[in-house]
Structure formats: C-alpha cells, structure tokens
N, C-alpha and C. Protein backbone atom coordinates (compact mmCIF):
# COMPACT_ATOMS: atom_id res chain seq x y z
N MET A 1 -27.81 -4.00 20.87
CA MET A 1 -26.41 -3.77 21.23
C MET A 1 -25.81 -2.64 20.40
N TYR A 2 -26.04 -2.67 19.07
CA TYR A 2 -25.45 -1.65 18.21
C TYR A 2 -26.10 -0.28 18.44
N GLY A 3 -27.41 -0.31 18.72
CA GLY A 3 -28.17 0.94 18.81
C GLY A 3 -27.65 1.92 19.83
N ASN A 4 -27.31 1.43 21.03
CA ASN A 4 -26.83 2.32 22.09
C ASN A 4 -25.55 3.02 21.67
N ARG A 5 -24.66 2.29 21.01
CA ARG A 5 -23.39 2.89 20.60
C ARG A 5 -23.59 3.88 19.46
N ILE A 6 -24.50 3.56 18.55
CA ILE A 6 -24.78 4.48 17.44
C ILE A 6 -25.35 5.78 17.98
N ARG A 7 -26.29 5.67 18.91
CA ARG A 7 -26.87 6.89 19.51
C ARG A 7 -25.81 7.70 20.23
N GLU A 8 -24.96 7.00 20.99
CA GLU A 8 -23.88 7.69 21.72
C GLU A 8 -22.96 8.43 20.77
N ALA A 9 -22.55 7.76 19.69
CA ALA A 9 -21.65 8.39 18.72
C ALA A 9 -22.33 9.55 18.01
N ARG A 10 -23.60 9.41 17.69
CA ARG A 10 -24.34 10.49 17.01
C ARG A 10 -24.44 11.71 17.90
N LYS A 11 -24.76 11.50 19.18
CA LYS A 11 -24.89 12.64 20.10
C LYS A 11 -23.54 13.30 20.34
N LYS A 12 -22.49 12.48 20.41
CA LYS A 12 -21.15 13.02 20.59
C LYS A 12 -20.76 13.93 19.42
N LYS A 13 -21.22 13.54 18.22
CA LYS A 13 -20.95 14.36 17.02
C LYS A 13 -21.91 15.55 16.90
N GLY A 14 -22.95 15.58 17.73
CA GLY A 14 -23.94 16.65 17.67
C GLY A 14 -24.81 16.57 16.43
N MET A 15 -25.04 15.37 15.94
CA MET A 15 -25.84 15.18 14.73
C MET A 15 -27.26 14.76 15.06
N THR A 16 -28.20 15.14 14.22
CA THR A 16 -29.58 14.73 14.37
C THR A 16 -29.81 13.43 13.61
N LEU A 17 -30.94 12.78 13.90
CA LEU A 17 -31.30 11.58 13.15
C LEU A 17 -31.42 11.89 11.66
N LYS A 18 -31.96 13.06 11.35
CA LYS A 18 -32.13 13.45 9.94
C LYS A 18 -30.78 13.59 9.24
N GLN A 19 -29.81 14.17 9.92
CA GLN A 19 -28.49 14.33 9.31
C GLN A 19 -27.85 12.96 9.03
N VAL A 20 -27.99 12.03 9.97
CA VAL A 20 -27.44 10.68 9.76
C VAL A 20 -28.19 9.99 8.62
N ALA A 21 -29.51 10.14 8.62
CA ALA A 21 -30.32 9.54 7.55
C ALA A 21 -29.92 10.09 6.19
N ASP A 22 -29.78 11.40 6.08
CA ASP A 22 -29.40 12.02 4.81
C ASP A 22 -28.02 11.55 4.35
N ALA A 23 -27.08 11.42 5.30
CA ALA A 23 -25.71 11.05 4.95
C ALA A 23 -25.59 9.58 4.55
N THR A 24 -26.46 8.73 5.09
CA THR A 24 -26.34 7.30 4.84
C THR A 24 -27.31 6.78 3.79
N GLY A 25 -28.34 7.57 3.49
CA GLY A 25 -29.34 7.14 2.51
C GLY A 25 -30.47 6.31 3.12
N TYR A 26 -30.49 6.20 4.43
CA TYR A 26 -31.58 5.49 5.10
C TYR A 26 -32.61 6.50 5.60
N THR A 27 -33.81 6.02 5.95
CA THR A 27 -34.83 6.93 6.46
C THR A 27 -34.58 7.24 7.93
N ILE A 28 -35.16 8.33 8.41
CA ILE A 28 -35.06 8.69 9.82
C ILE A 28 -35.62 7.56 10.68
N GLY A 29 -36.77 7.00 10.25
CA GLY A 29 -37.39 5.91 10.99
C GLY A 29 -36.49 4.69 11.11
N HIS A 30 -35.78 4.38 10.01
CA HIS A 30 -34.88 3.23 10.01
C HIS A 30 -33.73 3.44 11.00
N ILE A 31 -33.12 4.63 10.97
CA ILE A 31 -32.02 4.93 11.90
C ILE A 31 -32.53 4.91 13.33
N SER A 32 -33.71 5.47 13.55
CA SER A 32 -34.30 5.51 14.89
C SER A 32 -34.55 4.09 15.41
N GLN A 33 -35.05 3.21 14.56
CA GLN A 33 -35.30 1.83 14.98
C GLN A 33 -34.00 1.09 15.32
N ILE A 34 -32.95 1.38 14.55
CA ILE A 34 -31.64 0.78 14.85
C ILE A 34 -31.15 1.28 16.21
N GLU A 35 -31.26 2.59 16.45
CA GLU A 35 -30.80 3.16 17.72
C GLU A 35 -31.55 2.61 18.91
N ARG A 36 -32.82 2.29 18.72
CA ARG A 36 -33.64 1.76 19.81
C ARG A 36 -33.59 0.23 19.88
N ASN A 37 -32.69 -0.36 19.08
CA ASN A 37 -32.51 -1.81 19.03
C ASN A 37 -33.79 -2.55 18.64
N LEU A 38 -34.63 -1.90 17.83
CA LEU A 38 -35.83 -2.53 17.32
C LEU A 38 -35.56 -3.19 15.98
N LYS A 39 -34.48 -2.80 15.36
CA LYS A 39 -34.10 -3.36 14.05
C LYS A 39 -32.60 -3.60 14.06
N SER A 40 -32.19 -4.76 13.57
CA SER A 40 -30.76 -5.07 13.48
C SER A 40 -30.22 -4.51 12.17
N PRO A 41 -29.16 -3.72 12.23
CA PRO A 41 -28.60 -3.16 11.00
C PRO A 41 -27.84 -4.21 10.21
N SER A 42 -27.83 -4.07 8.91
CA SER A 42 -26.98 -4.91 8.07
C SER A 42 -25.54 -4.45 8.26
N LEU A 43 -24.61 -5.26 7.82
CA LEU A 43 -23.20 -4.88 7.90
C LEU A 43 -22.95 -3.65 7.04
N SER A 44 -23.60 -3.59 5.88
CA SER A 44 -23.47 -2.43 5.01
C SER A 44 -23.95 -1.16 5.71
N ALA A 45 -25.08 -1.27 6.41
CA ALA A 45 -25.61 -0.12 7.15
C ALA A 45 -24.66 0.31 8.25
N LEU A 46 -24.09 -0.67 8.99
CA LEU A 46 -23.14 -0.33 10.05
C LEU A 46 -21.93 0.41 9.49
N ARG A 47 -21.44 -0.04 8.34
CA ARG A 47 -20.28 0.63 7.73
C ARG A 47 -20.62 2.07 7.36
N LYS A 48 -21.80 2.28 6.76
CA LYS A 48 -22.21 3.64 6.37
C LYS A 48 -22.39 4.54 7.58
N ILE A 49 -23.01 3.99 8.62
CA ILE A 49 -23.24 4.78 9.83
C ILE A 49 -21.92 5.13 10.51
N ALA A 50 -21.01 4.17 10.60
CA ALA A 50 -19.69 4.43 11.21
C ALA A 50 -18.94 5.50 10.43
N ALA A 51 -18.99 5.45 9.10
CA ALA A 51 -18.31 6.46 8.28
C ALA A 51 -18.94 7.83 8.51
N CYS A 52 -20.27 7.88 8.57
CA CYS A 52 -20.97 9.15 8.79
C CYS A 52 -20.61 9.75 10.14
N LEU A 53 -20.55 8.91 11.17
CA LEU A 53 -20.28 9.38 12.53
C LEU A 53 -18.80 9.47 12.84
N GLU A 54 -17.97 9.09 11.85
CA GLU A 54 -16.51 9.12 12.01
C GLU A 54 -16.07 8.37 13.26
N CYS A 55 -16.65 7.17 13.42
CA CYS A 55 -16.25 6.32 14.54
C CYS A 55 -15.83 4.96 14.00
N SER A 56 -15.17 4.19 14.81
CA SER A 56 -14.68 2.89 14.40
C SER A 56 -15.82 1.88 14.26
N GLU A 57 -15.81 1.13 13.16
CA GLU A 57 -16.78 0.04 13.01
C GLU A 57 -16.58 -0.97 14.13
N VAL A 58 -15.34 -1.20 14.50
CA VAL A 58 -15.03 -2.16 15.56
C VAL A 58 -15.73 -1.74 16.86
N TRP A 59 -15.67 -0.46 17.19
CA TRP A 59 -16.29 0.03 18.42
C TRP A 59 -17.80 -0.18 18.38
N LEU A 60 -18.42 -0.01 17.22
CA LEU A 60 -19.86 -0.19 17.11
C LEU A 60 -20.29 -1.63 17.37
N ILE A 61 -19.46 -2.59 17.00
CA ILE A 61 -19.89 -3.98 17.10
C ILE A 61 -19.30 -4.72 18.30
N MET A 62 -18.55 -4.02 19.15
CA MET A 62 -18.00 -4.67 20.33
C MET A 62 -19.12 -5.10 21.27
N GLY A 63 -18.95 -6.26 21.89
CA GLY A 63 -19.96 -6.77 22.80
C GLY A 63 -19.96 -6.04 24.12
N GLY A 64 -21.05 -6.19 24.84
CA GLY A 64 -21.16 -5.62 26.17
C GLY A 64 -21.59 -4.17 26.13
N SER A 65 -21.83 -3.63 27.30
CA SER A 65 -22.32 -2.26 27.39
C SER A 65 -21.22 -1.26 27.64
N ASP A 66 -20.01 -1.76 27.87
CA ASP A 66 -18.89 -0.86 28.12
C ASP A 66 -17.83 -1.15 27.08
N ASP A 67 -16.77 -0.37 27.07
CA ASP A 67 -15.72 -0.54 26.08
C ASP A 67 -14.85 -1.76 26.35
N ALA A 68 -14.92 -2.29 27.55
CA ALA A 68 -13.99 -3.37 27.88
C ALA A 68 -14.52 -4.20 29.02
N PRO A 69 -13.90 -5.34 29.28
CA PRO A 69 -14.33 -6.19 30.38
C PRO A 69 -13.98 -5.58 31.72
N LEU A 70 -14.60 -6.13 32.77
CA LEU A 70 -14.33 -5.66 34.11
C LEU A 70 -13.00 -6.21 34.61
N ALA A 71 -12.37 -5.46 35.48
CA ALA A 71 -11.12 -5.93 36.08
C ALA A 71 -11.40 -7.11 36.99
N GLN A 72 -10.45 -8.01 37.11
CA GLN A 72 -10.60 -9.13 38.03
C GLN A 72 -10.27 -8.67 39.44
N ALA A 73 -10.71 -9.46 40.39
CA ALA A 73 -10.50 -9.09 41.79
C ALA A 73 -9.02 -9.03 42.15
N ASP A 74 -8.19 -9.81 41.45
CA ASP A 74 -6.76 -9.81 41.80
C ASP A 74 -6.04 -8.57 41.29
N GLY A 75 -6.75 -7.70 40.59
CA GLY A 75 -6.18 -6.43 40.16
C GLY A 75 -5.31 -6.52 38.93
N GLU A 76 -5.13 -7.72 38.37
CA GLU A 76 -4.24 -7.82 37.22
C GLU A 76 -4.89 -8.55 36.05
N GLY A 77 -6.20 -8.67 36.08
CA GLY A 77 -6.85 -9.57 35.15
C GLY A 77 -7.23 -9.04 33.81
N GLY A 78 -7.52 -7.80 33.61
CA GLY A 78 -7.90 -7.43 32.27
C GLY A 78 -8.86 -6.27 32.20
N SER A 79 -8.68 -5.26 32.99
CA SER A 79 -9.51 -4.08 32.82
C SER A 79 -9.04 -3.38 31.55
N ARG A 80 -9.74 -2.38 31.17
CA ARG A 80 -9.39 -1.60 30.00
C ARG A 80 -8.03 -0.94 30.18
N GLU A 81 -7.63 -0.75 31.42
CA GLU A 81 -6.35 -0.10 31.71
C GLU A 81 -5.43 -1.10 32.41
N SER A 82 -4.89 -2.02 31.63
CA SER A 82 -4.04 -3.08 32.19
C SER A 82 -3.04 -3.52 31.14
N PHE A 83 -1.92 -4.04 31.60
CA PHE A 83 -0.97 -4.66 30.69
C PHE A 83 -1.41 -6.09 30.35
N LEU A 84 -2.19 -6.68 31.23
CA LEU A 84 -2.58 -8.08 31.11
C LEU A 84 -4.08 -8.21 30.84
N ILE A 85 -4.44 -8.98 29.83
CA ILE A 85 -5.84 -9.29 29.55
C ILE A 85 -5.99 -10.80 29.66
N ARG A 86 -6.76 -11.27 30.63
CA ARG A 86 -7.01 -12.69 30.78
C ARG A 86 -7.89 -13.19 29.63
N LYS A 87 -7.75 -14.45 29.28
CA LYS A 87 -8.50 -15.04 28.17
C LYS A 87 -10.00 -14.81 28.32
N GLU A 88 -10.51 -14.98 29.53
CA GLU A 88 -11.95 -14.84 29.75
C GLU A 88 -12.41 -13.38 29.71
N ASN A 89 -11.46 -12.45 29.66
CA ASN A 89 -11.81 -11.03 29.64
C ASN A 89 -11.62 -10.39 28.26
N ARG A 90 -11.44 -11.21 27.23
CA ARG A 90 -11.38 -10.63 25.89
C ARG A 90 -12.72 -9.98 25.55
N ILE A 91 -12.67 -8.98 24.67
CA ILE A 91 -13.89 -8.26 24.30
C ILE A 91 -14.49 -8.92 23.06
N PRO A 92 -15.68 -9.51 23.19
CA PRO A 92 -16.28 -10.18 22.03
C PRO A 92 -16.90 -9.19 21.05
N MET A 93 -16.95 -9.57 19.78
CA MET A 93 -17.61 -8.75 18.76
C MET A 93 -18.44 -9.68 17.90
N LYS A 94 -19.63 -9.22 17.54
CA LYS A 94 -20.48 -9.99 16.65
C LYS A 94 -20.83 -9.11 15.46
N ILE A 95 -20.45 -9.57 14.28
CA ILE A 95 -20.72 -8.83 13.06
C ILE A 95 -21.98 -9.41 12.42
N PRO A 96 -22.95 -8.56 12.10
CA PRO A 96 -24.18 -9.08 11.49
C PRO A 96 -23.90 -9.75 10.15
N GLU A 97 -24.66 -10.81 9.86
CA GLU A 97 -24.67 -11.49 8.58
C GLU A 97 -23.46 -12.38 8.30
N ILE A 98 -22.48 -12.42 9.19
CA ILE A 98 -21.26 -13.17 8.91
C ILE A 98 -20.99 -14.16 10.05
N ASP A 99 -20.67 -15.41 9.71
CA ASP A 99 -20.40 -16.43 10.71
C ASP A 99 -18.92 -16.42 11.07
N VAL A 100 -18.51 -15.31 11.69
CA VAL A 100 -17.12 -15.13 12.10
C VAL A 100 -17.13 -14.62 13.54
N SER A 101 -16.27 -15.16 14.36
CA SER A 101 -16.17 -14.75 15.76
C SER A 101 -14.90 -13.92 15.95
N TYR A 102 -15.05 -12.75 16.56
CA TYR A 102 -13.92 -11.88 16.85
C TYR A 102 -13.84 -11.65 18.36
N SER A 103 -12.64 -11.53 18.89
CA SER A 103 -12.49 -11.05 20.26
C SER A 103 -11.19 -10.26 20.35
N ILE A 104 -11.30 -9.10 20.99
CA ILE A 104 -10.14 -8.20 21.16
C ILE A 104 -9.38 -8.64 22.41
N PHE A 105 -8.06 -8.79 22.28
CA PHE A 105 -7.27 -9.23 23.43
C PHE A 105 -6.22 -8.21 23.85
N THR A 106 -6.34 -6.97 23.40
CA THR A 106 -5.42 -5.92 23.82
C THR A 106 -6.21 -4.81 24.54
N PRO A 107 -5.58 -4.14 25.50
CA PRO A 107 -6.28 -3.05 26.19
C PRO A 107 -6.33 -1.80 25.33
N SER A 108 -7.20 -0.87 25.70
CA SER A 108 -7.23 0.41 24.99
C SER A 108 -6.40 1.46 25.72
N ARG A 109 -6.23 1.28 27.02
CA ARG A 109 -5.39 2.19 27.80
C ARG A 109 -4.46 1.39 28.68
N LEU A 110 -3.29 1.95 28.94
CA LEU A 110 -2.31 1.31 29.80
C LEU A 110 -2.47 1.87 31.22
N PRO A 111 -1.96 1.17 32.24
CA PRO A 111 -2.15 1.62 33.61
C PRO A 111 -1.65 3.03 33.89
N ASP A 112 -0.67 3.49 33.13
CA ASP A 112 -0.16 4.85 33.35
C ASP A 112 -0.98 5.90 32.60
N GLY A 113 -2.10 5.47 31.99
CA GLY A 113 -2.98 6.43 31.31
C GLY A 113 -2.72 6.60 29.83
N ARG A 114 -1.61 6.07 29.34
CA ARG A 114 -1.33 6.18 27.91
C ARG A 114 -2.31 5.34 27.10
N GLU A 115 -2.63 5.80 25.89
CA GLU A 115 -3.48 5.03 24.99
C GLU A 115 -2.63 3.97 24.31
N ALA A 116 -3.17 2.75 24.20
CA ALA A 116 -2.46 1.69 23.50
C ALA A 116 -2.32 2.05 22.02
N LYS A 117 -1.30 1.53 21.36
CA LYS A 117 -1.01 1.91 19.97
C LYS A 117 -1.27 0.80 18.97
N ILE A 118 -1.72 -0.37 19.43
CA ILE A 118 -2.08 -1.45 18.51
C ILE A 118 -3.37 -2.10 19.01
N THR A 119 -4.03 -2.82 18.14
CA THR A 119 -5.21 -3.60 18.52
C THR A 119 -5.00 -5.04 18.06
N GLY A 120 -5.18 -5.98 18.97
CA GLY A 120 -5.04 -7.39 18.64
C GLY A 120 -6.37 -8.10 18.73
N LEU A 121 -6.66 -8.94 17.74
CA LEU A 121 -7.91 -9.69 17.72
C LEU A 121 -7.64 -11.17 17.48
N MET A 122 -8.46 -12.02 18.09
CA MET A 122 -8.50 -13.43 17.77
C MET A 122 -9.71 -13.60 16.87
N VAL A 123 -9.50 -14.17 15.67
CA VAL A 123 -10.58 -14.32 14.69
C VAL A 123 -10.78 -15.80 14.41
N ARG A 124 -12.03 -16.24 14.46
CA ARG A 124 -12.39 -17.63 14.17
C ARG A 124 -13.36 -17.63 13.00
N VAL A 125 -12.98 -18.30 11.91
CA VAL A 125 -13.78 -18.33 10.68
C VAL A 125 -14.19 -19.76 10.39
N GLN A 126 -15.48 -19.97 10.14
CA GLN A 126 -15.99 -21.30 9.85
C GLN A 126 -15.60 -21.73 8.43
N PRO A 127 -15.56 -23.03 8.17
CA PRO A 127 -15.17 -23.53 6.83
C PRO A 127 -16.01 -22.91 5.71
N GLY A 128 -15.32 -22.47 4.66
CA GLY A 128 -15.99 -21.92 3.49
C GLY A 128 -16.47 -20.50 3.64
N HIS A 129 -16.22 -19.87 4.78
CA HIS A 129 -16.69 -18.50 5.01
C HIS A 129 -15.58 -17.48 4.81
N TRP A 130 -15.98 -16.31 4.33
CA TRP A 130 -15.09 -15.15 4.21
C TRP A 130 -15.09 -14.40 5.54
N VAL A 131 -14.03 -13.66 5.80
CA VAL A 131 -13.93 -12.91 7.05
C VAL A 131 -14.85 -11.69 7.04
N THR A 132 -15.19 -11.19 5.86
CA THR A 132 -16.15 -10.09 5.75
C THR A 132 -16.90 -10.22 4.43
N GLU A 133 -17.90 -9.40 4.23
CA GLU A 133 -18.82 -9.61 3.11
C GLU A 133 -18.31 -9.12 1.76
N ARG A 134 -17.22 -8.36 1.76
CA ARG A 134 -16.69 -7.82 0.51
C ARG A 134 -15.23 -7.43 0.72
N MET A 135 -14.56 -7.09 -0.36
CA MET A 135 -13.18 -6.58 -0.25
C MET A 135 -13.22 -5.25 0.50
N ILE A 136 -12.33 -5.11 1.48
CA ILE A 136 -12.27 -3.87 2.26
C ILE A 136 -10.83 -3.38 2.32
N SER A 137 -10.66 -2.14 2.75
CA SER A 137 -9.32 -1.60 3.00
C SER A 137 -9.39 -0.72 4.24
N HIS A 138 -8.26 -0.58 4.91
CA HIS A 138 -8.16 0.29 6.07
C HIS A 138 -7.31 1.49 5.66
N SER A 139 -7.90 2.66 5.75
CA SER A 139 -7.20 3.84 5.22
C SER A 139 -6.11 4.36 6.14
N THR A 140 -6.20 4.07 7.45
CA THR A 140 -5.24 4.69 8.38
C THR A 140 -4.36 3.70 9.12
N TYR A 141 -4.54 2.41 8.90
CA TYR A 141 -3.69 1.47 9.64
C TYR A 141 -3.40 0.21 8.83
N ASP A 142 -2.24 -0.39 9.14
CA ASP A 142 -1.83 -1.65 8.53
C ASP A 142 -2.43 -2.80 9.34
N GLU A 143 -2.45 -3.98 8.71
CA GLU A 143 -2.97 -5.18 9.36
C GLU A 143 -1.96 -6.31 9.17
N SER A 144 -1.75 -7.08 10.22
CA SER A 144 -0.86 -8.23 10.13
C SER A 144 -1.58 -9.43 10.71
N LEU A 145 -1.47 -10.57 10.04
CA LEU A 145 -2.17 -11.75 10.55
C LEU A 145 -1.26 -12.97 10.59
N LEU A 146 -1.55 -13.84 11.55
CA LEU A 146 -0.84 -15.11 11.74
C LEU A 146 -1.90 -16.20 11.81
N LEU A 147 -1.82 -17.17 10.90
CA LEU A 147 -2.79 -18.26 10.87
C LEU A 147 -2.35 -19.37 11.83
N LEU A 148 -3.11 -19.57 12.90
CA LEU A 148 -2.78 -20.58 13.90
C LEU A 148 -3.32 -21.95 13.52
N LYS A 149 -4.47 -21.96 12.81
CA LYS A 149 -5.12 -23.23 12.50
C LYS A 149 -5.91 -23.09 11.22
N GLY A 150 -5.85 -24.09 10.35
CA GLY A 150 -6.63 -24.09 9.12
C GLY A 150 -5.81 -23.69 7.91
N GLU A 151 -6.51 -23.37 6.84
CA GLU A 151 -5.88 -22.89 5.60
C GLU A 151 -6.78 -21.81 5.01
N MET A 152 -6.17 -20.72 4.55
CA MET A 152 -6.94 -19.60 4.06
C MET A 152 -6.54 -19.22 2.64
N GLU A 153 -7.49 -18.64 1.95
CA GLU A 153 -7.24 -18.02 0.65
C GLU A 153 -7.38 -16.52 0.86
N LEU A 154 -6.29 -15.80 0.66
CA LEU A 154 -6.29 -14.36 0.89
C LEU A 154 -6.23 -13.63 -0.45
N HIS A 155 -7.16 -12.70 -0.63
CA HIS A 155 -7.19 -11.85 -1.82
C HIS A 155 -6.73 -10.46 -1.39
N MET A 156 -5.72 -9.93 -2.08
CA MET A 156 -5.28 -8.57 -1.80
C MET A 156 -5.01 -7.87 -3.13
N ASP A 157 -5.72 -6.76 -3.33
CA ASP A 157 -5.67 -6.03 -4.60
C ASP A 157 -5.93 -7.03 -5.73
N ASN A 158 -4.99 -7.25 -6.64
CA ASN A 158 -5.23 -8.16 -7.77
C ASN A 158 -4.55 -9.52 -7.61
N SER A 159 -4.11 -9.84 -6.40
CA SER A 159 -3.39 -11.09 -6.17
C SER A 159 -4.17 -12.01 -5.22
N VAL A 160 -3.92 -13.31 -5.34
CA VAL A 160 -4.52 -14.31 -4.47
C VAL A 160 -3.40 -15.15 -3.86
N TYR A 161 -3.45 -15.36 -2.55
CA TYR A 161 -2.42 -16.10 -1.82
C TYR A 161 -3.06 -17.24 -1.05
N THR A 162 -2.37 -18.37 -0.96
CA THR A 162 -2.79 -19.47 -0.09
C THR A 162 -1.97 -19.38 1.18
N ILE A 163 -2.65 -19.30 2.31
CA ILE A 163 -1.99 -19.15 3.60
C ILE A 163 -2.16 -20.47 4.36
N HIS A 164 -1.04 -21.09 4.73
CA HIS A 164 -1.07 -22.36 5.46
C HIS A 164 -0.88 -22.11 6.95
N GLU A 165 -1.25 -23.10 7.74
CA GLU A 165 -1.09 -23.02 9.19
C GLU A 165 0.35 -22.62 9.54
N GLY A 166 0.48 -21.61 10.38
CA GLY A 166 1.80 -21.11 10.78
C GLY A 166 2.31 -19.97 9.94
N ASP A 167 1.71 -19.72 8.75
CA ASP A 167 2.13 -18.61 7.90
C ASP A 167 1.59 -17.29 8.44
N SER A 168 2.27 -16.21 8.09
CA SER A 168 1.81 -14.87 8.45
C SER A 168 1.74 -14.01 7.19
N PHE A 169 1.01 -12.91 7.29
CA PHE A 169 0.81 -12.05 6.13
C PHE A 169 0.67 -10.62 6.59
N TYR A 170 1.18 -9.69 5.79
CA TYR A 170 1.13 -8.25 6.12
C TYR A 170 0.29 -7.53 5.08
N ILE A 171 -0.66 -6.72 5.53
CA ILE A 171 -1.55 -5.99 4.62
C ILE A 171 -1.37 -4.49 4.87
N PRO A 172 -0.72 -3.77 3.96
CA PRO A 172 -0.54 -2.32 4.14
C PRO A 172 -1.86 -1.56 4.06
N SER A 173 -1.92 -0.41 4.70
CA SER A 173 -3.12 0.42 4.64
C SER A 173 -3.43 0.75 3.18
N GLY A 174 -4.71 0.86 2.88
CA GLY A 174 -5.14 1.18 1.52
C GLY A 174 -5.24 0.00 0.59
N SER A 175 -4.82 -1.19 1.04
CA SER A 175 -4.88 -2.39 0.19
C SER A 175 -6.24 -3.06 0.33
N LEU A 176 -6.92 -3.24 -0.80
CA LEU A 176 -8.19 -3.98 -0.79
C LEU A 176 -7.90 -5.44 -0.47
N HIS A 177 -8.65 -6.01 0.47
CA HIS A 177 -8.37 -7.39 0.84
C HIS A 177 -9.60 -8.08 1.44
N ASN A 178 -9.55 -9.39 1.44
CA ASN A 178 -10.53 -10.24 2.10
C ASN A 178 -9.91 -11.63 2.15
N TYR A 179 -10.31 -12.45 3.09
CA TYR A 179 -9.80 -13.81 3.13
C TYR A 179 -10.87 -14.77 3.61
N MET A 180 -10.76 -16.03 3.13
CA MET A 180 -11.73 -17.05 3.46
C MET A 180 -11.04 -18.30 3.99
N ASN A 181 -11.79 -19.06 4.77
CA ASN A 181 -11.30 -20.33 5.30
C ASN A 181 -11.58 -21.41 4.25
N ARG A 182 -10.53 -21.93 3.63
CA ARG A 182 -10.70 -22.95 2.61
C ARG A 182 -10.49 -24.36 3.14
N SER A 183 -10.34 -24.49 4.45
CA SER A 183 -10.17 -25.82 5.05
C SER A 183 -11.51 -26.36 5.53
N LYS A 184 -11.50 -27.58 6.05
CA LYS A 184 -12.73 -28.22 6.52
C LYS A 184 -12.90 -28.09 8.03
N GLU A 185 -12.05 -27.28 8.64
CA GLU A 185 -12.16 -27.04 10.08
C GLU A 185 -12.17 -25.53 10.32
N GLU A 186 -12.51 -25.16 11.53
CA GLU A 186 -12.50 -23.74 11.89
C GLU A 186 -11.08 -23.19 11.74
N ALA A 187 -10.97 -22.04 11.11
CA ALA A 187 -9.67 -21.36 11.02
C ALA A 187 -9.53 -20.40 12.20
N VAL A 188 -8.36 -20.36 12.79
CA VAL A 188 -8.09 -19.47 13.92
C VAL A 188 -6.93 -18.56 13.53
N ILE A 189 -7.16 -17.25 13.62
CA ILE A 189 -6.20 -16.26 13.14
C ILE A 189 -5.95 -15.22 14.22
N VAL A 190 -4.70 -14.85 14.43
CA VAL A 190 -4.36 -13.71 15.26
C VAL A 190 -4.12 -12.53 14.33
N VAL A 191 -4.83 -11.44 14.58
CA VAL A 191 -4.74 -10.25 13.73
C VAL A 191 -4.32 -9.06 14.59
N TYR A 192 -3.38 -8.28 14.07
CA TYR A 192 -3.00 -7.02 14.72
C TYR A 192 -3.25 -5.86 13.77
N PHE A 193 -3.84 -4.80 14.30
CA PHE A 193 -3.95 -3.52 13.58
C PHE A 193 -2.91 -2.59 14.17
N SER A 194 -2.32 -1.75 13.34
CA SER A 194 -1.21 -0.90 13.78
C SER A 194 -1.65 0.36 14.52
N GLN A 195 -2.91 0.45 14.91
CA GLN A 195 -3.37 1.53 15.75
C GLN A 195 -4.56 1.04 16.58
N LEU A 196 -4.91 1.82 17.57
CA LEU A 196 -6.08 1.50 18.37
C LEU A 196 -7.33 1.78 17.53
N VAL A 197 -8.23 0.80 17.44
CA VAL A 197 -9.41 1.00 16.59
C VAL A 197 -10.71 0.92 17.39
N TYR A 198 -10.62 1.02 18.72
CA TYR A 198 -11.84 1.05 19.52
C TYR A 198 -11.69 1.96 20.71
C-alpha cells in the first residue's frame, strides 16, 4: 500500500531511488523493496521518506488506491469533492507499528473545485497505547482534539495534561506533543488539523 504512493511521490519530484536513499540513509535496495511492496517500512522510515519527498505522511499511509472513497450512487455520499462524507466512506489509515486506527472524515476538494482548508480525523487508541511512537510537532498547522470516549494523558513540550471524556485541547504548530490512552477502554478522539494534509 505504501509503496505505490512513495513511488508516485518520488516520480512527481523527479528523484531517483539513489537520491531518496542518500537523503534518508537507507540503501537503494531497501527503498526499492518498499516501493514494490516487498518490505513494509517502519514508521521512522515513512517519516524520513515523506520529509525527503516533501509530501504528507498522512497521504502516504491513507488506505485504498485512490485519495478518497468513491461517490455513492445518490450523488451526495462522500466523493473527494463533496460537502458530505458518509460514515462508511471515511478514508482509513494504517500506521505501521502502532495499534491506532485513523479515518479521515473531511473531503479534500469541495464541489465547486475549491480545496478544503481543514482535515478532520477520527482516532481510536487502544488502552495503554500512545497515538504515535515519539513526541512529534507539526511545523505548518495547528491541531485541535476533542475526547469523545476514554481518558488520555497528553504531553506537550514540558507539560503533562490529563484529558477527560468531553474535554478538548489545542496544540499550536511547532509544539512537541504525544498522547496516550490511560483508560481501560478504547479512546475515541476527533482531531482537526488547520490545513489540508492529504
């Protein structure tokens, strides 16, 4: 799944396998195997490759072979260019090495052709799991989250916060952060990014 998108992004940038290998510190053979879906990349590798190719990590890990789900027959169900996204048409994402489920519930384009300006995700985190493998920051967009179910421990820069069901939190761009599900049930979180990231 990841390989096709990595190859597409590399060709779009006009880069060779060697250039990607040199920039990421991996061998040409390793990058080639990832592109041909013979080897699953680690999350660390995906981050390095996305940075090298100047593409969104989110776009690399989105499910399916296209950027978005197919439109429903009624014409209002959830194509990439719609105001309405039906629940069954959310875009799934699978991140390697992490037991977290993501699905995008916002379109990338509106019916009039304009690009959407926010990205919304439904995030499901299993008990005791972090949302990602390390502290991360987003350099170009803010993040806002609303905890629908469970209890979370959120780390941001040098502070730690306990987030209870129904609480919301705002994370400015450039802030190092990570959060974990500290409850005994699946945590369900609505997350918005302040720009389109796929």
